[in-house]
Amino acid sequence: MLRRAVSLDPQDLRVGASYEGSRGDARTAAVELRRRRRIDLGDLVSVVFENRDTLRAAVEEALRAERLTDPEQVAAEAERFGPLLPSDGGLAASLYLEVADAAELTSRLAELEGIAESVHLEIDGSRSPAAAFPIGVTAGPATPAAYVRFKLTGSQREAWLEGARVVLAVEHPRYSARSELSDLQRAAVAADLAVSPTTRGR
């Protein structure tokens, strides 16, 4: 079984005045990081590959919005986002429906039920299906519609790191799209594929 490669340490999270003082630069860096890790699937679906840095930024913004600074509350928020961290040698991502209107989003979610399970990666022609999982967050225009993980084999990881063609695709009865990752996108996600000695080669 693949283990989680990284964790969110509450002590690494900036809260209160500590975050406010650096928020401008932090937000700029976070937006650029997510831009490189975002894949558009047609005009309706986008996928952002998450890692420790993207999630740290999300948690810090959530703490700011909720005005949470108590250490126990900070730890609870970090734990809530923990399931989104990629497993050792695997990938984790947030899936968004690009719909701004809340009423239309509700309708689209019903129409595209199961779309997260319809996503897969193709790495040098070898397919890795997405496994969807909930973490108890209500979907809205600014929040993911679903969360997914990809379990990669050792050969798939090796092919990715060696520059193989990587395609992200969705094949749902009501929506289909494919997108080949650019060199920049492929390199940005490649850092997530590091594995510990105990899982290397699986």
Protein backbone atom coordinates (compact mmCIF):
# COMPACT_ATOMS: atom_id res chain seq x y z
CA MET A 1 0.00 0.00 0.00
CA LEU A 2 1.26 3.48 -0.87
CA ARG A 3 1.88 5.79 2.08
CA ARG A 4 1.32 9.51 2.20
CA ALA A 5 4.59 11.17 1.20
CA VAL A 6 4.09 14.47 2.98
CA SER A 7 1.95 15.87 5.77
CA LEU A 8 0.58 19.22 6.82
CA ASP A 9 2.26 20.22 10.06
CA PRO A 10 0.13 22.78 11.93
CA GLN A 11 3.35 24.46 13.09
CA ASP A 12 4.17 25.28 9.46
CA LEU A 13 0.91 27.19 8.98
CA ARG A 14 0.94 30.96 9.26
CA VAL A 15 -2.07 32.39 11.11
CA GLY A 16 -3.27 35.78 12.27
CA ALA A 17 -0.80 38.64 11.96
CA SER A 18 1.95 36.28 10.81
CA TYR A 19 -0.05 35.41 7.70
CA GLU A 20 -1.43 38.89 7.07
CA GLY A 21 2.09 40.30 6.88
CA SER A 22 3.07 37.97 4.04
CA ARG A 23 -0.32 37.30 2.43
CA GLY A 24 0.25 39.39 -0.67
CA ASP A 25 3.36 37.53 -1.71
CA ALA A 26 1.92 34.21 -0.54
CA ARG A 27 -1.21 34.61 -2.66
CA THR A 28 0.82 35.57 -5.73
CA ALA A 29 3.03 32.50 -5.32
CA ALA A 30 0.02 30.24 -4.72
CA VAL A 31 -1.79 31.46 -7.83
CA GLU A 32 1.27 30.84 -9.99
CA LEU A 33 1.83 27.39 -8.46
CA ARG A 34 -1.76 26.34 -9.09
CA ARG A 35 -1.62 27.74 -12.63
CA ARG A 36 1.23 25.39 -13.50
CA ARG A 37 -0.59 22.44 -11.94
CA ARG A 38 -4.01 23.10 -13.48
CA ILE A 39 -5.24 21.09 -16.46
CA ASP A 40 -8.33 22.19 -18.38
CA LEU A 41 -10.55 19.43 -19.73
CA GLY A 42 -12.68 21.23 -22.25
CA ASP A 43 -14.52 24.35 -21.13
CA LEU A 44 -16.39 22.82 -18.18
CA VAL A 45 -13.92 20.74 -16.14
CA SER A 46 -10.52 21.57 -14.69
CA VAL A 47 -8.21 19.53 -12.50
CA VAL A 48 -5.56 20.90 -10.14
CA PHE A 49 -2.90 18.50 -8.90
CA GLU A 50 -2.43 19.15 -5.19
CA ASN A 51 0.72 18.98 -3.11
CA ARG A 52 1.88 20.22 0.26
CA ASP A 53 2.38 23.80 -0.96
CA THR A 54 -1.01 24.16 -2.68
CA LEU A 55 -2.78 22.74 0.37
CA ARG A 56 -0.82 24.88 2.80
CA ALA A 57 -1.99 27.95 0.89
CA ALA A 58 -5.59 26.70 0.94
CA VAL A 59 -5.52 25.99 4.68
CA GLU A 60 -4.00 29.37 5.49
CA GLU A 61 -6.72 31.12 3.51
CA ALA A 62 -9.40 29.02 5.22
CA LEU A 63 -7.99 29.88 8.64
CA ARG A 64 -7.96 33.57 7.71
CA ALA A 65 -11.54 33.49 6.42
CA GLU A 66 -12.76 31.77 9.59
CA ARG A 67 -10.49 33.88 11.84
CA LEU A 68 -9.04 30.80 13.49
CA THR A 69 -5.82 31.12 15.49
CA ASP A 70 -6.30 28.70 18.37
CA PRO A 71 -3.71 25.87 18.05
CA GLU A 72 -6.35 23.15 18.38
CA GLN A 73 -8.51 24.72 15.69
CA VAL A 74 -5.51 25.16 13.43
CA ALA A 75 -4.57 21.51 13.90
CA ALA A 76 -8.14 20.41 13.14
CA GLU A 77 -8.18 22.42 9.90
CA ALA A 78 -4.84 20.96 8.83
CA GLU A 79 -6.17 17.46 9.53
CA ARG A 80 -9.30 18.16 7.49
CA PHE A 81 -7.17 18.83 4.42
CA GLY A 82 -4.84 15.88 5.10
CA PRO A 83 -6.67 13.39 2.83
CA LEU A 84 -5.84 15.59 -0.16
CA LEU A 85 -2.11 15.03 0.19
CA PRO A 86 -0.74 12.70 -2.50
CA SER A 87 0.25 9.20 -1.45
CA ASP A 88 3.89 8.17 -1.69
CA GLY A 89 4.50 7.83 -5.43
CA GLY A 90 0.91 8.68 -6.32
CA LEU A 91 -1.00 11.83 -7.22
CA ALA A 92 -3.96 13.69 -5.72
CA ALA A 93 -6.08 16.35 -7.35
CA SER A 94 -9.11 18.59 -6.99
CA LEU A 95 -11.72 18.54 -9.75
CA TYR A 96 -13.69 21.70 -10.50
CA LEU A 97 -16.73 22.42 -12.63
CA GLU A 98 -16.20 25.82 -14.24
CA VAL A 99 -19.67 27.14 -13.48
CA ALA A 100 -20.05 30.47 -11.69
CA ASP A 101 -23.81 30.40 -11.05
CA ALA A 102 -24.72 28.36 -7.94
CA ALA A 103 -28.07 27.18 -9.32
CA GLU A 104 -26.50 26.04 -12.59
CA LEU A 105 -23.70 24.33 -10.66
CA THR A 106 -26.22 22.26 -8.71
CA SER A 107 -27.89 21.24 -11.95
CA ARG A 108 -24.57 20.35 -13.57
CA LEU A 109 -23.48 18.28 -10.57
CA ALA A 110 -26.65 16.20 -10.87
CA GLU A 111 -26.23 15.87 -14.64
CA LEU A 112 -22.58 14.81 -14.32
CA GLU A 113 -22.93 12.51 -11.32
CA GLY A 114 -19.93 10.18 -11.18
CA ILE A 115 -17.74 12.36 -13.36
CA ALA A 116 -14.79 12.12 -10.95
CA GLU A 117 -14.67 8.34 -11.42
CA SER A 118 -14.66 8.94 -15.19
CA VAL A 119 -11.27 10.70 -15.12
CA HIS A 120 -8.01 8.92 -15.91
CA LEU A 121 -4.38 9.55 -16.72
CA GLU A 122 -2.58 8.04 -19.69
CA ILE A 123 1.17 7.84 -19.18
CA ASP A 124 3.00 6.66 -22.28
CA GLY A 125 -0.24 4.88 -23.22
CA SER A 126 -0.67 3.17 -19.84
CA ARG A 127 -3.90 4.10 -18.07
CA SER A 128 -4.30 5.05 -14.40
CA PRO A 129 -7.95 5.56 -13.37
CA ALA A 130 -8.98 8.13 -10.77
CA ALA A 131 -10.38 7.04 -7.42
CA ALA A 132 -12.75 9.65 -5.99
CA PHE A 133 -13.13 10.34 -2.29
CA PRO A 134 -15.08 12.84 -0.15
CA ILE A 135 -13.71 15.02 2.65
CA GLY A 136 -16.94 16.64 3.71
CA VAL A 137 -16.72 19.98 1.91
CA THR A 138 -19.87 21.40 0.33
CA ALA A 139 -19.36 22.07 -3.35
CA GLY A 140 -19.71 25.65 -4.56
CA PRO A 141 -18.38 27.78 -7.45
CA ALA A 142 -15.07 28.35 -5.61
CA THR A 143 -14.68 24.85 -4.15
CA PRO A 144 -13.85 21.52 -5.79
CA ALA A 145 -16.72 19.37 -7.00
CA ALA A 146 -14.68 16.25 -6.17
CA TYR A 147 -11.30 15.00 -5.01
CA VAL A 148 -9.41 12.21 -6.75
CA ARG A 149 -6.28 10.12 -6.35
CA PHE A 150 -4.21 8.31 -8.96
CA LYS A 151 -2.18 5.25 -8.00
CA LEU A 152 0.80 4.93 -10.34
CA THR A 153 2.97 1.91 -10.94
CA GLY A 154 6.73 2.11 -10.79
CA SER A 155 6.94 1.95 -14.58
CA GLN A 156 4.40 4.74 -14.95
CA ARG A 157 6.34 6.96 -12.55
CA GLU A 158 9.57 6.23 -14.37
CA ALA A 159 8.01 7.00 -17.75
CA TRP A 160 6.61 10.30 -16.45
CA LEU A 161 9.95 11.37 -15.01
CA GLU A 162 11.69 10.47 -18.26
CA GLY A 163 9.43 12.79 -20.25
CA ALA A 164 6.80 10.41 -21.61
CA ARG A 165 3.58 11.77 -23.09
CA VAL A 166 0.98 12.33 -20.36
CA VAL A 167 -2.71 12.82 -21.11
CA LEU A 168 -5.52 13.61 -18.70
CA ALA A 169 -8.96 12.58 -19.88
CA VAL A 170 -12.57 12.35 -18.78
CA GLU A 171 -14.99 9.88 -20.37
CA HIS A 172 -18.46 10.44 -18.92
CA PRO A 173 -21.67 9.59 -20.79
CA ARG A 174 -22.55 13.30 -20.80
CA TYR A 175 -19.11 14.86 -21.05
CA SER A 176 -15.80 13.84 -22.62
CA ALA A 177 -12.54 15.71 -23.07
CA ARG A 178 -8.81 15.07 -23.30
CA SER A 179 -5.77 17.26 -22.65
CA GLU A 180 -2.10 16.49 -23.12
CA LEU A 181 0.06 17.99 -20.39
CA SER A 182 2.57 20.57 -21.55
CA ASP A 183 6.24 20.25 -20.63
CA LEU A 184 5.69 22.85 -17.89
CA GLN A 185 2.67 21.04 -16.45
CA ARG A 186 4.36 17.66 -16.57
CA ALA A 187 7.46 18.99 -14.82
CA ALA A 188 5.42 20.80 -12.15
CA VAL A 189 3.66 17.59 -11.14
CA ALA A 190 6.74 15.37 -11.47
CA ALA A 191 8.03 16.44 -8.05
CA ASP A 192 5.03 14.66 -6.48
CA LEU A 193 6.22 11.32 -7.83
CA ALA A 194 9.14 10.87 -5.42
CA VAL A 195 8.85 7.61 -3.51
CA SER A 196 10.37 6.27 -0.34
CA PRO A 197 12.84 3.35 -0.55
CA THR A 198 10.21 0.95 0.80
CA THR A 199 7.77 1.63 -2.06
CA ARG A 200 10.18 2.16 -4.96
CA GLY A 201 9.54 -0.19 -7.85
CA ARG A 202 5.97 -1.09 -6.91
